[in-house]
Amino acid sequence: MAEVGFVAGATHIELTYGVLDFDFDGLDYDLHLAAPMVLEPDTLPSGLGTQICVLGIRFYQEVDGALYVLNAKESVGIAVLKCI
């Protein structure tokens, strides 16, 4: 657990994804946040080897109330946030 970065005494970790929409000309902004995800320590990896924290993104298009994955080259991405 020390490798994951839990603070002493913590029993859970909360992850929140957000997008900051910032207007540099007018110095105005809007922050869009997804619902947070709370994880218990036993849901984290057990240490089989190198742990790689990743963030994936996929864009969808709503058509008649259904969501469809956009499969264009720029519509799916992944980033490595940290290696432990």
PDB file of N, CA and C in Angstrom:
ATOM      1  N   MET A   1       0.813  -1.201   0.000  1.00  0.00           N
ATOM      2  CA  MET A   1       0.000   0.000   0.000  1.00  0.00           C
ATOM      3  C   MET A   1       0.851   1.257   0.000  1.00  0.00           C
ATOM      4  N   ALA A   2       2.048   1.194   0.567  1.00  0.00           N
ATOM      5  CA  ALA A   2       2.913   2.374   0.612  1.00  0.00           C
ATOM      6  C   ALA A   2       3.280   2.822  -0.797  1.00  0.00           C
ATOM      7  N   GLU A   3       3.440   1.873  -1.724  1.00  0.00           N
ATOM      8  CA  GLU A   3       3.798   2.220  -3.097  1.00  0.00           C
ATOM      9  C   GLU A   3       2.672   2.949  -3.815  1.00  0.00           C
ATOM     10  N   VAL A   4       1.423   2.661  -3.442  1.00  0.00           N
ATOM     11  CA  VAL A   4       0.273   3.297  -4.087  1.00  0.00           C
ATOM     12  C   VAL A   4       0.152   4.749  -3.659  1.00  0.00           C
ATOM     13  N   GLY A   5       0.610   5.071  -2.458  1.00  0.00           N
ATOM     14  CA  GLY A   5       0.589   6.454  -2.005  1.00  0.00           C
ATOM     15  C   GLY A   5      -0.548   6.775  -1.073  1.00  0.00           C
ATOM     16  N   PHE A   6      -1.095   5.784  -0.370  1.00  0.00           N
ATOM     17  CA  PHE A   6      -2.140   6.051   0.606  1.00  0.00           C
ATOM     18  C   PHE A   6      -1.568   6.857   1.766  1.00  0.00           C
ATOM     19  N   VAL A   7      -2.330   7.815   2.237  1.00  0.00           N
ATOM     20  CA  VAL A   7      -1.962   8.598   3.409  1.00  0.00           C
ATOM     21  C   VAL A   7      -2.199   7.729   4.635  1.00  0.00           C
ATOM     22  N   ALA A   8      -1.348   7.844   5.637  1.00  0.00           N
ATOM     23  CA  ALA A   8      -1.496   7.066   6.860  1.00  0.00           C
ATOM     24  C   ALA A   8      -2.896   7.242   7.431  1.00  0.00           C
ATOM     25  N   GLY A   9      -3.557   6.136   7.756  1.00  0.00           N
ATOM     26  CA  GLY A   9      -4.898   6.169   8.320  1.00  0.00           C
ATOM     27  C   GLY A   9      -6.008   6.122   7.298  1.00  0.00           C
ATOM     28  N   ALA A  10      -5.698   6.315   6.017  1.00  0.00           N
ATOM     29  CA  ALA A  10      -6.728   6.282   4.965  1.00  0.00           C
ATOM     30  C   ALA A  10      -7.187   4.852   4.727  1.00  0.00           C
ATOM     31  N   THR A  11      -8.472   4.693   4.472  1.00  0.00           N
ATOM     32  CA  THR A  11      -9.024   3.370   4.175  1.00  0.00           C
ATOM     33  C   THR A  11      -9.511   3.258   2.737  1.00  0.00           C
ATOM     34  N   HIS A  12      -9.663   4.370   2.047  1.00  0.00           N
ATOM     35  CA  HIS A  12     -10.147   4.385   0.668  1.00  0.00           C
ATOM     36  C   HIS A  12      -9.426   5.490  -0.103  1.00  0.00           C
ATOM     37  N   ILE A  13      -9.521   5.422  -1.420  1.00  0.00           N
ATOM     38  CA  ILE A  13      -9.003   6.487  -2.282  1.00  0.00           C
ATOM     39  C   ILE A  13     -10.097   6.876  -3.265  1.00  0.00           C
ATOM     40  N   GLU A  14     -10.239   8.167  -3.526  1.00  0.00           N
ATOM     41  CA  GLU A  14     -11.239   8.652  -4.470  1.00  0.00           C
ATOM     42  C   GLU A  14     -10.536   9.189  -5.705  1.00  0.00           C
ATOM     43  N   LEU A  15     -11.013   8.776  -6.873  1.00  0.00           N
ATOM     44  CA  LEU A  15     -10.488   9.258  -8.144  1.00  0.00           C
ATOM     45  C   LEU A  15     -11.557  10.097  -8.824  1.00  0.00           C
ATOM     46  N   THR A  16     -11.164  11.263  -9.300  1.00  0.00           N
ATOM     47  CA  THR A  16     -12.091  12.146 -10.007  1.00  0.00           C
ATOM     48  C   THR A  16     -11.438  12.605 -11.296  1.00  0.00           C
ATOM     49  N   TYR A  17     -12.184  12.530 -12.382  1.00  0.00           N
ATOM     50  CA  TYR A  17     -11.705  13.004 -13.682  1.00  0.00           C
ATOM     51  C   TYR A  17     -12.439  14.289 -14.013  1.00  0.00           C
ATOM     52  N   GLY A  18     -11.710  15.255 -14.507  1.00  0.00           N
ATOM     53  CA  GLY A  18     -12.335  16.512 -14.870  1.00  0.00           C
ATOM     54  C   GLY A  18     -11.681  17.155 -16.076  1.00  0.00           C
ATOM     55  N   VAL A  19     -12.423  18.053 -16.684  1.00  0.00           N
ATOM     56  CA  VAL A  19     -11.917  18.843 -17.812  1.00  0.00           C
ATOM     57  C   VAL A  19     -12.133  20.311 -17.468  1.00  0.00           C
ATOM     58  N   LEU A  20     -11.052  21.080 -17.489  1.00  0.00           N
ATOM     59  CA  LEU A  20     -11.128  22.512 -17.243  1.00  0.00           C
ATOM     60  C   LEU A  20     -11.211  23.228 -18.584  1.00  0.00           C
ATOM     61  N   ASP A  21     -12.305  23.930 -18.808  1.00  0.00           N
ATOM     62  CA  ASP A  21     -12.530  24.707 -20.029  1.00  0.00           C
ATOM     63  C   ASP A  21     -12.166  26.152 -19.686  1.00  0.00           C
ATOM     64  N   PHE A  22     -11.011  26.627 -20.193  1.00  0.00           N
ATOM     65  CA  PHE A  22     -10.480  27.925 -19.780  1.00  0.00           C
ATOM     66  C   PHE A  22     -10.364  28.865 -20.970  1.00  0.00           C
ATOM     67  N   ASP A  23     -10.892  30.065 -20.808  1.00  0.00           N
ATOM     68  CA  ASP A  23     -10.794  31.120 -21.816  1.00  0.00           C
ATOM     69  C   ASP A  23      -9.659  32.051 -21.395  1.00  0.00           C
ATOM     70  N   PHE A  24      -8.505  31.928 -22.056  1.00  0.00           N
ATOM     71  CA  PHE A  24      -7.338  32.729 -21.682  1.00  0.00           C
ATOM     72  C   PHE A  24      -7.513  34.208 -22.021  1.00  0.00           C
ATOM     73  N   ASP A  25      -8.334  34.513 -23.019  1.00  0.00           N
ATOM     74  CA  ASP A  25      -8.554  35.913 -23.377  1.00  0.00           C
ATOM     75  C   ASP A  25      -9.421  36.628 -22.341  1.00  0.00           C
ATOM     76  N   GLY A  26     -10.527  35.999 -21.957  1.00  0.00           N
ATOM     77  CA  GLY A  26     -11.450  36.621 -21.004  1.00  0.00           C
ATOM     78  C   GLY A  26     -11.234  36.206 -19.569  1.00  0.00           C
ATOM     79  N   LEU A  27     -10.280  35.293 -19.346  1.00  0.00           N
ATOM     80  CA  LEU A  27      -9.973  34.769 -18.013  1.00  0.00           C
ATOM     81  C   LEU A  27     -11.216  34.188 -17.332  1.00  0.00           C
ATOM     82  N   ASP A  28     -12.024  33.493 -18.125  1.00  0.00           N
ATOM     83  CA  ASP A  28     -13.216  32.828 -17.620  1.00  0.00           C
ATOM     84  C   ASP A  28     -12.992  31.323 -17.705  1.00  0.00           C
ATOM     85  N   TYR A  29     -13.679  30.568 -16.864  1.00  0.00           N
ATOM     86  CA  TYR A  29     -13.479  29.124 -16.898  1.00  0.00           C
ATOM     87  C   TYR A  29     -14.742  28.383 -16.465  1.00  0.00           C
ATOM     88  N   ASP A  30     -14.775  27.113 -16.799  1.00  0.00           N
ATOM     89  CA  ASP A  30     -15.828  26.214 -16.350  1.00  0.00           C
ATOM     90  C   ASP A  30     -15.179  24.857 -16.122  1.00  0.00           C
ATOM     91  N   LEU A  31     -15.450  24.248 -14.996  1.00  0.00           N
ATOM     92  CA  LEU A  31     -14.869  22.956 -14.650  1.00  0.00           C
ATOM     93  C   LEU A  31     -15.946  21.885 -14.739  1.00  0.00           C
ATOM     94  N   HIS A  32     -15.706  20.872 -15.544  1.00  0.00           N
ATOM     95  CA  HIS A  32     -16.640  19.768 -15.738  1.00  0.00           C
ATOM     96  C   HIS A  32     -16.046  18.531 -15.064  1.00  0.00           C
ATOM     97  N   LEU A  33     -16.748  17.997 -14.071  1.00  0.00           N
ATOM     98  CA  LEU A  33     -16.240  16.857 -13.321  1.00  0.00           C
ATOM     99  C   LEU A  33     -17.129  15.635 -13.500  1.00  0.00           C
ATOM    100  N   ALA A  34     -16.495  14.491 -13.650  1.00  0.00           N
ATOM    101  CA  ALA A  34     -17.223  13.231 -13.678  1.00  0.00           C
ATOM    102  C   ALA A  34     -17.528  12.814 -12.253  1.00  0.00           C
ATOM    103  N   ALA A  35     -18.452  11.890 -12.115  1.00  0.00           N
ATOM    104  CA  ALA A  35     -18.752  11.360 -10.781  1.00  0.00           C
ATOM    105  C   ALA A  35     -17.504  10.677 -10.236  1.00  0.00           C
ATOM    106  N   PRO A  36     -17.160  10.939  -8.984  1.00  0.00           N
ATOM    107  CA  PRO A  36     -15.964  10.320  -8.415  1.00  0.00           C
ATOM    108  C   PRO A  36     -16.123   8.814  -8.254  1.00  0.00           C
ATOM    109  N   MET A  37     -14.997   8.107  -8.289  1.00  0.00           N
ATOM    110  CA  MET A  37     -14.968   6.671  -8.068  1.00  0.00           C
ATOM    111  C   MET A  37     -14.165   6.436  -6.794  1.00  0.00           C
ATOM    112  N   VAL A  38     -14.768   5.728  -5.841  1.00  0.00           N
ATOM    113  CA  VAL A  38     -14.103   5.449  -4.573  1.00  0.00           C
ATOM    114  C   VAL A  38     -13.663   3.988  -4.571  1.00  0.00           C
ATOM    115  N   LEU A  39     -12.380   3.753  -4.285  1.00  0.00           N
ATOM    116  CA  LEU A  39     -11.820   2.406  -4.273  1.00  0.00           C
ATOM    117  C   LEU A  39     -11.353   2.036  -2.874  1.00  0.00           C
ATOM    118  N   GLU A  40     -11.596   0.782  -2.513  1.00  0.00           N
ATOM    119  CA  GLU A  40     -11.061   0.238  -1.268  1.00  0.00           C
ATOM    120  C   GLU A  40      -9.687  -0.342  -1.564  1.00  0.00           C
ATOM    121  N   PRO A  41      -8.823  -0.435  -0.558  1.00  0.00           N
ATOM    122  CA  PRO A  41      -7.470  -0.958  -0.787  1.00  0.00           C
ATOM    123  C   PRO A  41      -7.438  -2.351  -1.412  1.00  0.00           C
ATOM    124  N   ASP A  42      -8.414  -3.211  -1.098  1.00  0.00           N
ATOM    125  CA  ASP A  42      -8.378  -4.564  -1.647  1.00  0.00           C
ATOM    126  C   ASP A  42      -8.756  -4.625  -3.116  1.00  0.00           C
ATOM    127  N   THR A  43      -9.183  -3.493  -3.713  1.00  0.00           N
ATOM    128  CA  THR A  43      -9.469  -3.472  -5.139  1.00  0.00           C
ATOM    129  C   THR A  43      -8.250  -3.048  -5.954  1.00  0.00           C
ATOM    130  N   LEU A  44      -7.171  -2.667  -5.274  1.00  0.00           N
ATOM    131  CA  LEU A  44      -5.957  -2.233  -5.957  1.00  0.00           C
ATOM    132  C   LEU A  44      -5.088  -3.441  -6.305  1.00  0.00           C
ATOM    133  N   PRO A  45      -4.160  -3.294  -7.238  1.00  0.00           N
ATOM    134  CA  PRO A  45      -3.315  -4.416  -7.646  1.00  0.00           C
ATOM    135  C   PRO A  45      -2.565  -5.034  -6.482  1.00  0.00           C
ATOM    136  N   SER A  46      -2.304  -6.340  -6.604  1.00  0.00           N
ATOM    137  CA  SER A  46      -1.642  -7.046  -5.510  1.00  0.00           C
ATOM    138  C   SER A  46      -0.130  -7.086  -5.651  1.00  0.00           C
ATOM    139  N   GLY A  47       0.434  -6.492  -6.664  1.00  0.00           N
ATOM    140  CA  GLY A  47       1.882  -6.418  -6.783  1.00  0.00           C
ATOM    141  C   GLY A  47       2.500  -7.562  -7.550  1.00  0.00           C
ATOM    142  N   LEU A  48       1.941  -7.903  -8.699  1.00  0.00           N
ATOM    143  CA  LEU A  48       2.502  -8.959  -9.540  1.00  0.00           C
ATOM    144  C   LEU A  48       3.781  -8.512 -10.235  1.00  0.00           C
ATOM    145  N   GLY A  49       3.965  -7.215 -10.338  1.00  0.00           N
ATOM    146  CA  GLY A  49       5.136  -6.665 -11.024  1.00  0.00           C
ATOM    147  C   GLY A  49       5.026  -5.157 -11.065  1.00  0.00           C
ATOM    148  N   THR A  50       5.510  -4.556 -12.147  1.00  0.00           N
ATOM    149  CA  THR A  50       5.433  -3.106 -12.304  1.00  0.00           C
ATOM    150  C   THR A  50       3.981  -2.685 -12.466  1.00  0.00           C
ATOM    151  N   GLN A  51       3.567  -1.703 -11.699  1.00  0.00           N
ATOM    152  CA  GLN A  51       2.205  -1.193 -11.791  1.00  0.00           C
ATOM    153  C   GLN A  51       2.231   0.108 -12.581  1.00  0.00           C
ATOM    154  N   ILE A  52       1.426   0.167 -13.632  1.00  0.00           N
ATOM    155  CA  ILE A  52       1.377   1.324 -14.521  1.00  0.00           C
ATOM    156  C   ILE A  52      -0.008   1.942 -14.406  1.00  0.00           C
ATOM    157  N   CYS A  53      -0.070   3.186 -13.927  1.00  0.00           N
ATOM    158  CA  CYS A  53      -1.336   3.895 -13.810  1.00  0.00           C
ATOM    159  C   CYS A  53      -1.625   4.581 -15.137  1.00  0.00           C
ATOM    160  N   VAL A  54      -2.780   4.291 -15.721  1.00  0.00           N
ATOM    161  CA  VAL A  54      -3.121   4.829 -17.030  1.00  0.00           C
ATOM    162  C   VAL A  54      -4.477   5.529 -16.976  1.00  0.00           C
ATOM    163  N   LEU A  55      -4.679   6.441 -17.893  1.00  0.00           N
ATOM    164  CA  LEU A  55      -5.955   7.124 -18.068  1.00  0.00           C
ATOM    165  C   LEU A  55      -6.350   6.971 -19.521  1.00  0.00           C
ATOM    166  N   GLY A  56      -7.512   6.436 -19.750  1.00  0.00           N
ATOM    167  CA  GLY A  56      -7.991   6.258 -21.118  1.00  0.00           C
ATOM    168  C   GLY A  56      -9.103   7.242 -21.419  1.00  0.00           C
ATOM    169  N   ILE A  57      -9.230   7.565 -22.687  1.00  0.00           N
ATOM    170  CA  ILE A  57     -10.305   8.463 -23.117  1.00  0.00           C
ATOM    171  C   ILE A  57     -10.876   7.934 -24.428  1.00  0.00           C
ATOM    172  N   ARG A  58     -12.183   7.993 -24.511  1.00  0.00           N
ATOM    173  CA  ARG A  58     -12.875   7.546 -25.720  1.00  0.00           C
ATOM    174  C   ARG A  58     -14.049   8.487 -25.932  1.00  0.00           C
ATOM    175  N   PHE A  59     -14.261   8.916 -27.156  1.00  0.00           N
ATOM    176  CA  PHE A  59     -15.353   9.832 -27.470  1.00  0.00           C
ATOM    177  C   PHE A  59     -16.530   9.068 -28.061  1.00  0.00           C
ATOM    178  N   TYR A  60     -17.724   9.546 -27.734  1.00  0.00           N
ATOM    179  CA  TYR A  60     -18.957   8.931 -28.199  1.00  0.00           C
ATOM    180  C   TYR A  60     -19.809   9.974 -28.907  1.00  0.00           C
ATOM    181  N   GLN A  61     -20.743   9.481 -29.709  1.00  0.00           N
ATOM    182  CA  GLN A  61     -21.725  10.356 -30.341  1.00  0.00           C
ATOM    183  C   GLN A  61     -23.103   9.800 -30.019  1.00  0.00           C
ATOM    184  N   GLU A  62     -23.991  10.679 -29.559  1.00  0.00           N
ATOM    185  CA  GLU A  62     -25.348  10.248 -29.255  1.00  0.00           C
ATOM    186  C   GLU A  62     -26.213  10.371 -30.500  1.00  0.00           C
ATOM    187  N   VAL A  63     -26.877   9.284 -30.845  1.00  0.00           N
ATOM    188  CA  VAL A  63     -27.800   9.263 -31.980  1.00  0.00           C
ATOM    189  C   VAL A  63     -29.082   8.582 -31.510  1.00  0.00           C
ATOM    190  N   ASP A  64     -30.175   9.311 -31.538  1.00  0.00           N
ATOM    191  CA  ASP A  64     -31.480   8.791 -31.117  1.00  0.00           C
ATOM    192  C   ASP A  64     -31.438   8.165 -29.725  1.00  0.00           C
ATOM    193  N   GLY A  65     -30.726   8.795 -28.805  1.00  0.00           N
ATOM    194  CA  GLY A  65     -30.672   8.344 -27.432  1.00  0.00           C
ATOM    195  C   GLY A  65     -29.675   7.231 -27.141  1.00  0.00           C
ATOM    196  N   ALA A  66     -28.981   6.721 -28.152  1.00  0.00           N
ATOM    197  CA  ALA A  66     -27.977   5.671 -27.957  1.00  0.00           C
ATOM    198  C   ALA A  66     -26.587   6.251 -28.178  1.00  0.00           C
ATOM    199  N   LEU A  67     -25.597   5.770 -27.407  1.00  0.00           N
ATOM    200  CA  LEU A  67     -24.218   6.234 -27.544  1.00  0.00           C
ATOM    201  C   LEU A  67     -23.433   5.278 -28.438  1.00  0.00           C
ATOM    202  N   TYR A  68     -22.720   5.846 -29.392  1.00  0.00           N
ATOM    203  CA  TYR A  68     -21.884   5.070 -30.310  1.00  0.00           C
ATOM    204  C   TYR A  68     -20.445   5.549 -30.207  1.00  0.00           C
ATOM    205  N   VAL A  69     -19.519   4.601 -30.111  1.00  0.00           N
ATOM    206  CA  VAL A  69     -18.098   4.932 -30.029  1.00  0.00           C
ATOM    207  C   VAL A  69     -17.644   5.518 -31.357  1.00  0.00           C
ATOM    208  N   LEU A  70     -16.923   6.640 -31.295  1.00  0.00           N
ATOM    209  CA  LEU A  70     -16.311   7.207 -32.492  1.00  0.00           C
ATOM    210  C   LEU A  70     -14.964   6.517 -32.682  1.00  0.00           C
ATOM    211  N   ASN A  71     -14.765   5.899 -33.813  1.00  0.00           N
ATOM    212  CA  ASN A  71     -13.544   5.141 -34.054  1.00  0.00           C
ATOM    213  C   ASN A  71     -12.531   5.890 -34.912  1.00  0.00           C
ATOM    214  N   ALA A  72     -12.661   7.204 -34.983  1.00  0.00           N
ATOM    215  CA  ALA A  72     -11.695   7.999 -35.731  1.00  0.00           C
ATOM    216  C   ALA A  72     -10.340   7.965 -35.029  1.00  0.00           C
ATOM    217  N   LYS A  73      -9.300   8.268 -35.759  1.00  0.00           N
ATOM    218  CA  LYS A  73      -7.927   8.218 -35.234  1.00  0.00           C
ATOM    219  C   LYS A  73      -7.753   9.059 -33.974  1.00  0.00           C
ATOM    220  N   GLU A  74      -8.379  10.227 -33.903  1.00  0.00           N
ATOM    221  CA  GLU A  74      -8.195  11.133 -32.774  1.00  0.00           C
ATOM    222  C   GLU A  74      -9.240  10.942 -31.679  1.00  0.00           C
ATOM    223  N   SER A  75     -10.098   9.936 -31.774  1.00  0.00           N
ATOM    224  CA  SER A  75     -11.203   9.824 -30.822  1.00  0.00           C
ATOM    225  C   SER A  75     -10.943   8.842 -29.683  1.00  0.00           C
ATOM    226  N   VAL A  76      -9.804   8.191 -29.668  1.00  0.00           N
ATOM    227  CA  VAL A  76      -9.451   7.259 -28.597  1.00  0.00           C
ATOM    228  C   VAL A  76      -8.023   7.562 -28.171  1.00  0.00           C
ATOM    229  N   GLY A  77      -7.791   7.616 -26.861  1.00  0.00           N
ATOM    230  CA  GLY A  77      -6.431   7.894 -26.404  1.00  0.00           C
ATOM    231  C   GLY A  77      -6.155   7.254 -25.072  1.00  0.00           C
ATOM    232  N   ILE A  78      -4.893   7.191 -24.745  1.00  0.00           N
ATOM    233  CA  ILE A  78      -4.460   6.646 -23.463  1.00  0.00           C
ATOM    234  C   ILE A  78      -3.199   7.386 -23.043  1.00  0.00           C
ATOM    235  N   ALA A  79      -3.059   7.616 -21.750  1.00  0.00           N
ATOM    236  CA  ALA A  79      -1.861   8.273 -21.229  1.00  0.00           C
ATOM    237  C   ALA A  79      -1.381   7.520 -20.007  1.00  0.00           C
ATOM    238  N   VAL A  80      -0.080   7.399 -19.877  1.00  0.00           N
ATOM    239  CA  VAL A  80       0.526   6.792 -18.692  1.00  0.00           C
ATOM    240  C   VAL A  80       0.715   7.908 -17.672  1.00  0.00           C
ATOM    241  N   LEU A  81       0.107   7.739 -16.493  1.00  0.00           N
ATOM    242  CA  LEU A  81       0.195   8.751 -15.458  1.00  0.00           C
ATOM    243  C   LEU A  81       1.352   8.532 -14.516  1.00  0.00           C
ATOM    244  N   LYS A  82       1.631   7.257 -14.214  1.00  0.00           N
ATOM    245  CA  LYS A  82       2.688   6.959 -13.256  1.00  0.00           C
ATOM    246  C   LYS A  82       3.047   5.495 -13.319  1.00  0.00           C
ATOM    247  N   CYS A  83       4.323   5.188 -13.124  1.00  0.00           N
ATOM    248  CA  CYS A  83       4.785   3.816 -13.003  1.00  0.00           C
ATOM    249  C   CYS A  83       5.305   3.644 -11.588  1.00  0.00           C
ATOM    250  N   ILE A  84       4.868   2.549 -10.964  1.00  0.00           N
ATOM    251  CA  ILE A  84       5.267   2.274  -9.579  1.00  0.00           C
ATOM    252  C   ILE A  84       6.164   1.069  -9.553  1.00  0.00           C
TER     253      ILE A  84
END
